């Protein structure tokens, strides 16, 4: 029995790679979430007219890892105070967002966002919304950093080591 959460954290290449390294994450997929265009292409999303965010579908084993832990890790990989930007990537497709699939996830998400908000002087702009849609990105985007180890990534490389060593306290 697995659960899933959809996380937008800037360019999905690095965000996916980060989450797939965490023990208890059983599958990841990059795609486009919560926009208005059905089955958008990467080129369409880059026009800023689809409303989609580059997002990672994170499937996890709740016997090994909890949503709280995944959200703790998520907040280590983003700046939740930046609107429509992470790293050098700018545009609405690079906004941060937590898109939930079950109402029971919402109290956990709200609690983690509230804790995170105490760490910043600026407001948190990370969206917290139910998942309205998710379309898988083109195949060349899936597992991009595995296929292109020297490829572009907005995340510091040290975060990948953190993800590899991360152990939830259960």
Protein backbone atom coordinates (compact mmCIF):
# COMPACT_ATOMS: atom_id res chain seq x y z
CA UNK A 1 0.00 0.00 0.00
CA UNK A 2 1.60 3.26 -1.12
CA UNK A 3 0.61 6.91 -0.91
CA UNK A 4 1.45 9.85 -3.12
CA UNK A 5 1.98 13.57 -2.93
CA UNK A 6 2.74 16.02 -5.73
CA UNK A 7 5.51 18.54 -5.08
CA UNK A 8 6.48 21.52 -7.21
CA UNK A 9 9.92 22.84 -6.35
CA UNK A 10 11.32 24.67 -9.34
CA UNK A 11 12.92 22.72 -12.18
CA UNK A 12 11.62 19.19 -11.86
CA UNK A 13 14.89 17.53 -12.91
CA UNK A 14 16.67 18.19 -9.61
CA UNK A 15 13.54 17.93 -7.50
CA UNK A 16 12.82 14.45 -8.85
CA UNK A 17 16.41 13.32 -8.37
CA UNK A 18 16.39 14.59 -4.78
CA UNK A 19 13.23 12.68 -3.82
CA UNK A 20 14.11 9.44 -5.55
CA UNK A 21 17.22 9.17 -3.34
CA UNK A 22 15.17 9.13 -0.12
CA UNK A 23 14.65 5.69 1.42
CA UNK A 24 10.94 4.93 1.40
CA UNK A 25 10.22 6.73 -1.87
CA UNK A 26 9.25 3.95 -4.26
CA UNK A 27 8.57 5.91 -7.45
CA UNK A 28 8.80 9.39 -8.93
CA UNK A 29 7.52 10.93 -12.13
CA UNK A 30 7.93 14.46 -13.45
CA UNK A 31 5.07 16.30 -15.05
CA UNK A 32 2.86 19.34 -15.19
CA UNK A 33 0.26 20.01 -12.51
CA UNK A 34 -2.70 22.23 -11.72
CA UNK A 35 -2.90 24.10 -15.00
CA UNK A 36 -5.65 24.69 -17.51
CA UNK A 37 -4.32 23.01 -20.66
CA UNK A 38 -4.82 19.26 -21.14
CA UNK A 39 -1.69 17.23 -21.94
CA UNK A 40 0.61 20.24 -22.34
CA UNK A 41 4.04 19.99 -23.90
CA UNK A 42 7.15 21.41 -22.28
CA UNK A 43 7.19 24.13 -24.92
CA UNK A 44 3.60 25.11 -24.07
CA UNK A 45 4.34 25.22 -20.34
CA UNK A 46 7.32 27.49 -21.02
CA UNK A 47 5.01 30.07 -22.65
CA UNK A 48 3.58 30.81 -19.17
CA UNK A 49 0.06 30.45 -20.58
CA UNK A 50 -0.90 26.98 -19.35
CA UNK A 51 -0.99 27.62 -15.61
CA UNK A 52 0.98 24.42 -14.96
CA UNK A 53 3.80 24.01 -12.47
CA UNK A 54 6.71 21.64 -13.06
CA UNK A 55 5.85 19.00 -10.47
CA UNK A 56 7.10 15.66 -9.17
CA UNK A 57 4.72 12.84 -8.33
CA UNK A 58 6.26 11.22 -5.25
CA UNK A 59 4.99 7.72 -4.40
CA UNK A 60 6.08 6.53 -0.98
CA UNK A 61 5.70 3.63 1.41
CA UNK A 62 4.03 4.97 4.58
CA UNK A 63 5.41 2.01 6.52
CA UNK A 64 8.92 3.37 5.91
CA UNK A 65 8.41 7.11 5.62
CA UNK A 66 5.72 9.60 6.56
CA UNK A 67 4.37 12.65 4.80
CA UNK A 68 5.77 14.84 7.58
CA UNK A 69 9.29 13.63 6.81
CA UNK A 70 8.85 14.12 3.06
CA UNK A 71 7.66 17.68 3.66
CA UNK A 72 10.62 18.35 5.96
CA UNK A 73 12.89 17.22 3.14
CA UNK A 74 10.92 19.26 0.59
CA UNK A 75 11.45 22.45 2.59
CA UNK A 76 15.21 21.75 2.65
CA UNK A 77 15.19 21.79 -1.17
CA UNK A 78 13.18 24.98 -1.81
CA UNK A 79 12.97 28.61 -0.81
CA UNK A 80 9.25 28.86 0.01
CA UNK A 81 9.37 32.68 0.00
CA UNK A 82 10.24 33.03 -3.68
CA UNK A 83 7.32 33.55 -6.03
CA UNK A 84 7.60 31.92 -9.47
CA UNK A 85 11.29 31.19 -9.04
CA UNK A 86 13.75 28.67 -7.66
CA UNK A 87 17.46 29.12 -8.26
CA UNK A 88 18.07 30.71 -11.65
CA UNK A 89 14.77 29.42 -13.05
CA UNK A 90 12.12 32.12 -13.28
CA UNK A 91 8.51 31.84 -14.38
CA UNK A 92 5.18 30.58 -13.05
CA UNK A 93 6.04 26.99 -14.01
CA UNK A 94 8.81 27.14 -11.38
CA UNK A 95 6.53 28.11 -8.48
CA UNK A 96 6.52 25.96 -5.38
CA UNK A 97 3.47 23.94 -4.51
CA UNK A 98 2.22 21.05 -2.44
CA UNK A 99 -0.67 19.34 -4.22
CA UNK A 100 -2.46 16.77 -2.12
CA UNK A 101 -4.60 13.84 -3.22
CA UNK A 102 -6.46 13.06 -0.01
CA UNK A 103 -8.11 15.45 2.49
CA UNK A 104 -6.34 13.67 5.38
CA UNK A 105 -3.04 15.04 4.04
CA UNK A 106 -4.13 18.67 4.45
CA UNK A 107 -3.74 19.02 8.26
CA UNK A 108 -0.22 17.57 8.04
CA UNK A 109 0.67 19.95 5.22
CA UNK A 110 -0.78 22.99 7.04
CA UNK A 111 1.13 22.11 10.19
CA UNK A 112 4.44 21.76 8.32
CA UNK A 113 3.89 25.04 6.44
CA UNK A 114 3.15 26.81 9.73
CA UNK A 115 6.36 25.45 11.28
CA UNK A 116 8.32 26.50 8.20
CA UNK A 117 6.78 30.00 8.23
CA UNK A 118 8.36 30.62 11.65
CA UNK A 119 11.82 30.32 10.06
CA UNK A 120 11.35 33.24 7.64
CA UNK A 121 10.78 36.97 7.84
CA UNK A 122 8.98 36.96 4.49
CA UNK A 123 5.67 35.18 3.89
CA UNK A 124 5.53 31.63 2.55
CA UNK A 125 4.19 31.66 -1.03
CA UNK A 126 4.19 27.90 -1.60
CA UNK A 127 0.77 26.87 -2.90
CA UNK A 128 -1.16 24.30 -0.91
CA UNK A 129 -3.97 22.99 -3.09
CA UNK A 130 -5.72 19.78 -3.98
CA UNK A 131 -4.28 18.19 -7.09
CA UNK A 132 -6.60 19.15 -9.94
CA UNK A 133 -4.61 17.50 -12.73
CA UNK A 134 -1.22 16.00 -13.50
CA UNK A 135 0.17 15.20 -16.93
CA UNK A 136 3.44 13.27 -17.20
CA UNK A 137 6.21 15.21 -18.90
CA UNK A 138 7.88 13.95 -22.04
CA UNK A 139 10.07 10.87 -21.65
CA UNK A 140 13.35 12.78 -22.01
CA UNK A 141 12.48 14.68 -18.79
CA UNK A 142 11.92 11.49 -16.75
CA UNK A 143 14.97 10.56 -14.62
CA UNK A 144 16.83 13.35 -16.41
CA UNK A 145 19.79 13.58 -14.04
CA UNK A 146 20.26 9.80 -14.12
CA UNK A 147 20.46 9.98 -17.92
CA UNK A 148 22.53 13.21 -17.86
CA UNK A 149 24.68 13.18 -14.69
CA UNK A 150 26.32 16.48 -15.65
CA UNK A 151 22.99 18.06 -16.61
CA UNK A 152 21.65 21.32 -15.26
CA UNK A 153 20.33 21.33 -11.71
CA UNK A 154 19.31 24.27 -9.55
CA UNK A 155 19.84 22.31 -6.32
CA UNK A 156 23.18 22.27 -4.51
CA UNK A 157 24.84 18.87 -4.91
CA UNK A 158 25.10 18.49 -1.12
CA UNK A 159 21.33 18.10 -0.97
CA UNK A 160 21.58 14.83 -2.88
CA UNK A 161 23.91 13.41 -0.24
CA UNK A 162 21.50 14.62 2.44
CA UNK A 163 18.67 12.77 0.68
CA UNK A 164 20.73 9.57 0.43
CA UNK A 165 21.47 9.61 4.16
CA UNK A 166 18.05 10.81 5.34
CA UNK A 167 16.34 8.49 7.79
CA UNK A 168 12.92 9.22 9.22
CA UNK A 169 12.57 8.82 12.96
CA UNK A 170 9.79 6.28 13.28
